[in-house]
Amino acid sequence: MPRIIPMASSIRPSLSSSRFSGNSRFVVSLCSLTSHRWLSLLHLRSVVPQFHSFGLTTSKLFRGEGGRISVSAAGTVAQSSTATNQENVLEWVKKDKKRMLHVVYRVGDMDRTIKFYTECLGMKLLRKRDVPEERYTNAFLGYGPEDSHFVVELTYNYGVDNYDIGTGFGHFGIAVDDITKTVDLIKAKGGKVTREPGPVKGGKTVIAFIEDPDGYKFELLERGPTPEPLCQVMLRVGDLDRSIEFYEKAYGMELLWKRDNPEYKYTIAMMGYGPEDKNAVMELTYNYGVTEYDKGNAYAQIAIGTDDIYKTAEAIKLCGGTITREPGPLPGIHTKITACLDPDGWKTVFVDNIDLLKELE
């Protein structure tokens, strides 16, 4: 069983597009260009456009050699101010107090899953809520309080007993101090072990793999005492460098380490908000030559705490993410959230830190 030591509570690329009045469109990635460099992109050969989005008019533009458009001093100041504000948002991301809160996925039998997680994996049922008017039930389980630990949020939708996990979701990771004892217990309880304990390929860490009753894979990692036993979420991505840049700039995560395994034709990157022996992390996996995956309908999303969901949403837009829910309060409980998709379509929900603490009270 996982052993826990106390841990204190802790609670940048969207393309910015502007349509012009002519038949041209100016598109620029603000995470890859500085404020003074992207002005050089304005090589327009058609009708002089109106720069309403940047506070400019055609009277402040003139055509130079080769059809190049130059901007007057007043227009440059307006553009520079906009770019400065955007750069400030991206700098704010690095300082925001983010923390991975929970991972959400769907199960076909809530009571069966709770029983497996508590008896076989040593989790505790933290809270459970039924929402009959919307025909679903939630249960939160983990190894410590939600205000300081990464937990799972199980969702049961009335009448749905089976889901497609797909090929994109990989596994969850759980750190245990005695992997053989844990595997033996899981077997005794009727659990499915898909890989017996042994060293990871190309490394020394002792691991094992099991499946829960719905087919979700869990990697067991033998480690010493840790404040965060639920330690990993592994997702597969189609372009690892693109994903790393997005998670760094838009989500404010740190690249903890990256390892290429050419013998087995895959590369992994560990990303998170602190050392992986003390914090939950994202394990992003790229398999050589595979750019797309079937996401199924079982795995849902990661939730991350933030000090400002409005600035977070702005940063995500600047860094190429797709906002699927504009920032604002949830009906009924008034907790402020925003939701987005990363470049591979994986969903993340950001939750206001203070609102979450009030909700947990």
Protein backbone atom coordinates (compact mmCIF):
# COMPACT_ATOMS: atom_id res chain seq x y z
CA MET A 1 0.00 0.00 0.00
CA PRO A 2 1.20 3.51 -0.63
CA ARG A 3 2.75 5.25 2.37
CA ILE A 4 2.06 8.94 2.75
CA ILE A 5 4.04 11.68 4.46
CA PRO A 6 2.41 15.05 5.17
CA MET A 7 2.55 17.74 2.51
CA ALA A 8 1.61 21.36 3.03
CA SER A 9 -1.35 22.66 1.06
CA SER A 10 -0.45 24.66 -2.03
CA ILE A 11 -2.81 25.82 -3.56
CA ARG A 12 2.12 30.26 -23.53
CA PRO A 13 0.76 29.31 -28.22
CA SER A 14 -3.26 30.50 -29.72
CA LEU A 15 -2.90 32.13 -32.80
CA SER A 16 -4.17 35.66 -32.47
CA SER A 17 -6.04 36.47 -35.67
CA SER A 18 -7.34 39.82 -36.91
CA ARG A 19 -9.51 40.14 -40.00
CA PHE A 20 -8.93 43.15 -42.18
CA SER A 21 -11.36 44.97 -44.44
CA GLY A 22 -9.50 43.80 -47.54
CA ASN A 23 -9.03 40.21 -48.67
CA SER A 24 -5.95 39.71 -46.54
CA ARG A 25 -5.67 38.15 -43.12
CA PHE A 26 -2.87 38.79 -40.64
CA VAL A 27 -2.10 35.80 -38.38
CA VAL A 28 0.74 35.67 -35.88
CA SER A 29 1.78 33.34 -33.08
CA LEU A 30 2.56 35.57 -30.12
CA CYS A 31 4.46 32.85 -28.29
CA SER A 32 7.00 32.54 -31.08
CA LEU A 33 7.38 36.20 -32.12
CA THR A 34 8.41 39.26 -30.14
CA SER A 35 6.50 42.52 -30.34
CA HIS A 36 9.01 44.22 -32.62
CA ARG A 37 9.58 41.22 -34.91
CA TRP A 38 6.01 40.54 -35.96
CA LEU A 39 5.62 43.96 -37.57
CA SER A 40 7.93 42.73 -40.32
CA LEU A 41 5.25 40.21 -41.35
CA LEU A 42 3.09 42.92 -42.88
CA HIS A 43 3.93 42.35 -46.56
CA LEU A 44 0.57 43.07 -48.16
CA ARG A 45 0.15 43.44 -51.92
CA SER A 46 -3.57 44.12 -52.04
CA VAL A 47 -5.80 46.93 -50.81
CA VAL A 48 -4.44 48.70 -47.73
CA PRO A 49 -6.39 47.21 -44.81
CA GLN A 50 -7.89 48.87 -41.77
CA PHE A 51 -5.94 48.00 -38.62
CA HIS A 52 -8.92 48.47 -36.30
CA SER A 53 -7.83 45.60 -34.07
CA PHE A 54 -4.60 47.41 -33.23
CA GLY A 55 -5.95 50.96 -33.00
CA LEU A 56 -4.66 52.02 -36.45
CA THR A 57 -6.30 53.49 -39.56
CA THR A 58 -5.18 53.66 -43.17
CA SER A 59 -4.24 57.29 -42.72
CA LYS A 60 -1.38 56.11 -40.55
CA LEU A 61 0.01 53.74 -43.15
CA PHE A 62 2.04 54.36 -46.27
CA ARG A 63 3.38 52.07 -48.96
CA GLY A 64 7.13 51.77 -49.31
CA GLU A 65 9.34 49.97 -51.79
CA GLY A 66 8.17 46.58 -53.03
CA GLY A 67 4.66 47.02 -51.66
CA ARG A 68 5.86 46.91 -48.03
CA ILE A 69 3.53 48.54 -45.52
CA SER A 70 5.09 50.80 -42.91
CA VAL A 71 3.36 51.95 -39.72
CA SER A 72 3.45 55.46 -38.32
CA ALA A 73 4.81 56.22 -34.85
CA ALA A 74 1.32 56.49 -33.31
CA GLY A 75 0.35 53.09 -34.69
CA THR A 76 3.59 51.54 -33.49
CA VAL A 77 2.88 52.72 -29.94
CA ALA A 78 -0.57 51.11 -30.01
CA GLN A 79 0.81 47.82 -31.31
CA SER A 80 3.67 47.90 -28.84
CA SER A 81 1.23 48.44 -25.95
CA THR A 82 -0.87 45.46 -27.05
CA ALA A 83 2.18 43.24 -27.39
CA THR A 84 3.47 44.35 -23.98
CA ASN A 85 0.17 43.40 -22.33
CA GLN A 86 0.29 40.00 -23.98
CA GLU A 87 3.86 39.44 -22.88
CA ASN A 88 2.84 40.38 -19.33
CA VAL A 89 0.15 37.69 -19.38
CA LEU A 90 2.64 35.06 -20.51
CA GLU A 91 5.07 36.14 -17.79
CA TRP A 92 2.26 35.92 -15.23
CA VAL A 93 1.72 32.27 -16.18
CA LYS A 94 5.19 31.45 -14.84
CA LYS A 95 4.32 32.96 -11.44
CA ASP A 96 0.77 31.63 -11.06
CA LYS A 97 0.23 29.19 -8.19
CA LYS A 98 -0.98 26.25 -10.22
CA ARG A 99 -1.47 22.73 -8.91
CA MET A 100 -2.88 19.56 -10.43
CA LEU A 101 -6.18 18.99 -8.60
CA HIS A 102 -7.87 15.89 -10.00
CA VAL A 103 -8.32 13.71 -13.06
CA VAL A 104 -11.84 12.99 -14.33
CA TYR A 105 -12.98 9.81 -16.08
CA ARG A 106 -16.14 7.75 -16.56
CA VAL A 107 -16.93 4.36 -15.07
CA GLY A 108 -19.72 1.85 -15.63
CA ASP A 109 -20.38 0.82 -12.04
CA MET A 110 -19.58 3.35 -9.34
CA ASP A 111 -19.86 1.04 -6.33
CA ARG A 112 -17.69 -1.64 -7.97
CA THR A 113 -14.98 0.90 -8.81
CA ILE A 114 -14.99 2.48 -5.34
CA LYS A 115 -14.64 -0.99 -3.81
CA PHE A 116 -11.64 -1.82 -6.03
CA TYR A 117 -9.88 1.49 -5.42
CA THR A 118 -10.31 1.40 -1.64
CA GLU A 119 -9.60 -2.30 -1.08
CA CYS A 120 -6.93 -2.94 -3.73
CA LEU A 121 -5.25 0.44 -4.23
CA GLY A 122 -5.61 1.81 -0.70
CA MET A 123 -7.46 4.99 -1.69
CA LYS A 124 -10.01 6.70 0.52
CA LEU A 125 -13.46 7.86 -0.55
CA LEU A 126 -13.26 11.61 0.05
CA ARG A 127 -16.74 12.65 -1.05
CA LYS A 128 -19.61 11.53 -3.26
CA ARG A 129 -22.48 13.47 -4.78
CA ASP A 130 -25.50 12.44 -6.79
CA VAL A 131 -27.08 14.83 -9.30
CA PRO A 132 -30.34 13.13 -10.30
CA GLU A 133 -31.66 16.08 -12.32
CA GLU A 134 -28.68 15.65 -14.66
CA ARG A 135 -28.53 11.87 -14.25
CA TYR A 136 -24.98 11.39 -13.00
CA THR A 137 -23.00 10.66 -9.84
CA ASN A 138 -19.49 11.84 -8.89
CA ALA A 139 -17.07 10.30 -6.41
CA PHE A 140 -13.70 11.71 -5.36
CA LEU A 141 -11.02 9.28 -4.14
CA GLY A 142 -7.37 9.67 -3.25
CA TYR A 143 -4.63 9.40 -0.66
CA GLY A 144 -5.24 12.68 1.13
CA PRO A 145 -7.45 15.80 1.29
CA GLU A 146 -8.35 17.49 -1.98
CA ASP A 147 -6.90 20.82 -0.87
CA SER A 148 -3.41 19.33 -0.86
CA HIS A 149 -3.47 16.11 -2.91
CA PHE A 150 -4.09 15.02 -6.49
CA VAL A 151 -7.21 12.84 -6.58
CA VAL A 152 -9.48 11.00 -9.02
CA GLU A 153 -13.00 12.14 -9.85
CA LEU A 154 -15.10 9.21 -11.05
CA THR A 155 -18.25 9.93 -13.04
CA TYR A 156 -21.14 7.50 -13.45
CA ASN A 157 -23.80 8.45 -15.99
CA TYR A 158 -27.14 6.82 -15.33
CA GLY A 159 -27.68 3.75 -17.50
CA VAL A 160 -24.22 3.75 -19.15
CA ASP A 161 -22.16 0.72 -18.12
CA ASN A 162 -19.46 0.64 -20.77
CA TYR A 163 -17.04 3.15 -22.33
CA ASP A 164 -14.36 3.14 -25.01
CA ILE A 165 -10.98 4.05 -23.52
CA GLY A 166 -9.40 4.54 -26.95
CA THR A 167 -5.71 4.47 -27.83
CA GLY A 168 -4.65 7.96 -26.69
CA PHE A 169 -5.01 7.54 -22.93
CA GLY A 170 -2.10 5.63 -21.41
CA HIS A 171 -2.30 5.03 -17.67
CA PHE A 172 -2.35 6.47 -14.17
CA GLY A 173 0.69 6.07 -11.94
CA ILE A 174 0.68 5.07 -8.26
CA ALA A 175 3.80 5.03 -6.09
CA VAL A 176 3.98 2.13 -3.60
CA ASP A 177 6.65 1.15 -1.09
CA ASP A 178 6.29 -2.65 -1.62
CA ILE A 179 5.23 -3.49 -5.15
CA THR A 180 5.18 -7.28 -4.69
CA LYS A 181 2.91 -7.03 -1.67
CA THR A 182 0.58 -4.66 -3.53
CA VAL A 183 0.37 -6.94 -6.58
CA ASP A 184 -0.32 -9.98 -4.40
CA LEU A 185 -3.17 -8.12 -2.68
CA ILE A 186 -4.67 -7.08 -6.01
CA LYS A 187 -4.55 -10.68 -7.23
CA ALA A 188 -6.18 -11.90 -4.01
CA LYS A 189 -9.02 -9.43 -4.54
CA GLY A 190 -9.56 -10.66 -8.10
CA GLY A 191 -7.77 -7.78 -9.81
CA LYS A 192 -6.10 -8.11 -13.21
CA VAL A 193 -2.29 -7.88 -13.34
CA THR A 194 -1.05 -7.26 -16.90
CA ARG A 195 2.67 -6.96 -16.08
CA GLU A 196 4.38 -8.63 -13.17
CA PRO A 197 6.79 -6.58 -11.04
CA GLY A 198 10.20 -6.01 -12.60
CA PRO A 199 12.63 -3.30 -13.77
CA VAL A 200 11.32 -0.87 -16.36
CA LYS A 201 12.79 -1.33 -19.85
CA GLY A 202 16.05 0.57 -20.05
CA GLY A 203 16.00 1.53 -16.36
CA LYS A 204 16.12 0.32 -12.77
CA THR A 205 12.77 1.42 -11.34
CA VAL A 206 10.64 -1.60 -10.43
CA ILE A 207 7.16 -1.35 -11.94
CA ALA A 208 4.05 -3.42 -12.55
CA PHE A 209 0.83 -2.82 -14.47
CA ILE A 210 -2.73 -3.62 -13.46
CA GLU A 211 -6.20 -2.87 -14.81
CA ASP A 212 -9.23 -1.70 -12.88
CA PRO A 213 -12.72 -3.15 -13.53
CA ASP A 214 -13.33 -0.68 -16.41
CA GLY A 215 -10.03 -1.44 -18.13
CA TYR A 216 -8.09 1.67 -17.06
CA LYS A 217 -4.41 0.85 -16.68
CA PHE A 218 -2.44 1.72 -13.55
CA GLU A 219 1.34 1.66 -13.41
CA LEU A 220 2.65 0.78 -9.96
CA LEU A 221 6.07 2.30 -9.22
CA GLU A 222 8.13 1.12 -6.27
CA ARG A 223 9.31 4.22 -4.36
CA GLY A 224 9.97 5.36 -0.85
CA PRO A 225 7.46 7.39 1.19
CA THR A 226 5.87 10.18 -0.85
CA PRO A 227 3.32 12.91 -0.13
CA GLU A 228 1.66 12.22 -3.51
CA PRO A 229 1.11 8.47 -4.17
CA LEU A 230 -1.22 9.20 -7.11
CA CYS A 231 1.71 10.50 -9.08
CA GLN A 232 1.19 10.33 -12.86
CA VAL A 233 -1.23 10.68 -15.76
CA MET A 234 0.14 9.40 -19.05
CA LEU A 235 -1.27 10.68 -22.35
CA ARG A 236 -0.02 10.05 -25.89
CA VAL A 237 0.68 13.02 -28.17
CA GLY A 238 1.43 13.44 -31.86
CA ASP A 239 4.21 16.05 -31.63
CA LEU A 240 6.16 16.00 -28.39
CA ASP A 241 8.08 19.26 -28.88
CA ARG A 242 4.85 21.08 -29.72
CA SER A 243 3.19 19.68 -26.59
CA ILE A 244 6.13 20.57 -24.35
CA GLU A 245 6.12 24.17 -25.58
CA PHE A 246 2.37 24.46 -25.08
CA TYR A 247 2.36 22.98 -21.57
CA GLU A 248 5.26 25.23 -20.56
CA LYS A 249 3.91 28.51 -21.94
CA ALA A 250 0.13 28.08 -21.67
CA TYR A 251 -0.08 25.92 -18.53
CA GLY A 252 3.09 27.10 -16.77
CA MET A 253 4.43 23.56 -16.31
CA GLU A 254 8.10 22.74 -16.07
CA LEU A 255 9.83 20.13 -18.22
CA LEU A 256 11.25 17.89 -15.50
CA TRP A 257 13.03 15.49 -17.83
CA LYS A 258 12.84 13.99 -21.30
CA ARG A 259 14.08 10.61 -22.48
CA ASP A 260 14.27 9.08 -25.94
CA ASN A 261 14.07 5.29 -26.30
CA PRO A 262 15.02 4.56 -29.92
CA GLU A 263 15.21 0.81 -29.25
CA TYR A 264 11.48 0.82 -28.45
CA LYS A 265 10.65 3.75 -30.76
CA TYR A 266 9.15 6.17 -28.28
CA THR A 267 10.05 9.36 -26.37
CA ILE A 268 8.60 10.52 -23.07
CA ALA A 269 8.58 13.87 -21.29
CA MET A 270 7.67 14.43 -17.64
CA MET A 271 6.02 17.77 -16.94
CA GLY A 272 4.58 19.28 -13.79
CA TYR A 273 4.62 21.94 -11.09
CA GLY A 274 7.38 20.47 -8.95
CA PRO A 275 9.62 17.41 -8.46
CA GLU A 276 7.91 14.16 -9.43
CA ASP A 277 8.72 12.51 -6.10
CA LYS A 278 6.55 15.12 -4.34
CA ASN A 279 3.98 16.16 -6.96
CA ALA A 280 1.68 14.60 -9.52
CA VAL A 281 3.04 14.97 -13.06
CA MET A 282 1.99 14.60 -16.68
CA GLU A 283 3.81 11.92 -18.66
CA LEU A 284 3.56 12.80 -22.35
CA THR A 285 4.48 9.97 -24.71
CA TYR A 286 5.34 10.19 -28.39
CA ASN A 287 5.46 6.96 -30.39
CA TYR A 288 7.60 7.24 -33.51
CA GLY A 289 5.52 8.05 -36.58
CA VAL A 290 2.14 8.23 -34.80
CA THR A 291 0.54 11.68 -34.97
CA GLU A 292 -3.09 10.97 -34.06
CA TYR A 293 -4.92 8.78 -31.55
CA ASP A 294 -8.48 7.67 -30.88
CA LYS A 295 -9.47 9.30 -27.58
CA GLY A 296 -12.59 7.21 -27.02
CA ASN A 297 -15.23 8.50 -24.62
CA ALA A 298 -14.02 7.25 -21.22
CA TYR A 299 -11.20 9.56 -20.15
CA ALA A 300 -12.41 13.13 -19.66
CA GLN A 301 -9.90 15.72 -18.38
CA ILE A 302 -7.38 17.02 -15.89
CA ALA A 303 -8.33 19.83 -13.49
CA ILE A 304 -5.69 22.40 -12.48
CA GLY A 305 -5.96 25.13 -9.85
CA THR A 306 -5.09 28.74 -10.75
CA ASP A 307 -5.17 32.14 -9.09
CA ASP A 308 -6.91 33.79 -12.07
CA ILE A 309 -8.96 31.87 -14.62
CA TYR A 310 -9.36 34.96 -16.83
CA LYS A 311 -5.61 35.46 -17.29
CA THR A 312 -5.20 31.71 -17.71
CA ALA A 313 -7.75 31.67 -20.54
CA GLU A 314 -6.04 34.64 -22.20
CA ALA A 315 -2.66 32.89 -22.06
CA ILE A 316 -4.14 29.70 -23.51
CA LYS A 317 -5.60 31.64 -26.44
CA LEU A 318 -2.27 33.38 -27.07
CA CYS A 319 -0.55 29.98 -27.13
CA GLY A 320 -2.76 28.18 -29.62
CA GLY A 321 -5.16 26.40 -27.25
CA THR A 322 -8.89 26.19 -27.91
CA ILE A 323 -11.17 27.56 -25.20
CA THR A 324 -14.21 25.27 -24.91
CA ARG A 325 -15.73 27.11 -21.95
CA GLU A 326 -15.17 30.81 -21.48
CA PRO A 327 -14.04 31.78 -17.96
CA GLY A 328 -16.79 32.40 -15.46
CA PRO A 329 -18.71 30.96 -12.49
CA LEU A 330 -20.50 27.62 -12.56
CA PRO A 331 -24.27 27.85 -12.07
CA GLY A 332 -25.35 27.01 -8.56
CA ILE A 333 -21.99 26.71 -6.80
CA HIS A 334 -20.39 29.87 -8.26
CA THR A 335 -16.91 28.30 -8.58
CA LYS A 336 -15.12 30.04 -11.46
CA ILE A 337 -13.65 27.78 -14.15
CA THR A 338 -12.48 27.79 -17.74
CA ALA A 339 -11.89 24.80 -20.04
CA CYS A 340 -9.64 24.28 -23.05
CA LEU A 341 -8.13 21.78 -25.46
CA ASP A 342 -4.40 21.34 -26.01
CA PRO A 343 -2.95 20.89 -29.55
CA ASP A 344 -3.82 17.16 -29.45
CA GLY A 345 -7.37 17.77 -28.25
CA TRP A 346 -6.81 16.71 -24.62
CA LYS A 347 -9.13 18.66 -22.34
CA THR A 348 -8.05 20.60 -19.24
CA VAL A 349 -10.25 22.53 -16.81
CA PHE A 350 -8.78 25.36 -14.72
CA VAL A 351 -10.43 26.08 -11.37
CA ASP A 352 -10.10 29.21 -9.24
CA ASN A 353 -8.01 28.31 -6.17
CA ILE A 354 -10.00 30.35 -3.64
CA ASP A 355 -13.37 29.22 -5.03
CA LEU A 356 -12.28 25.58 -4.78
CA LEU A 357 -11.39 25.94 -1.11
CA LYS A 358 -14.79 27.49 -0.44
CA GLU A 359 -16.48 24.64 -2.31
CA LEU A 360 -14.60 22.04 -0.27
CA GLU A 361 -15.73 23.72 2.96
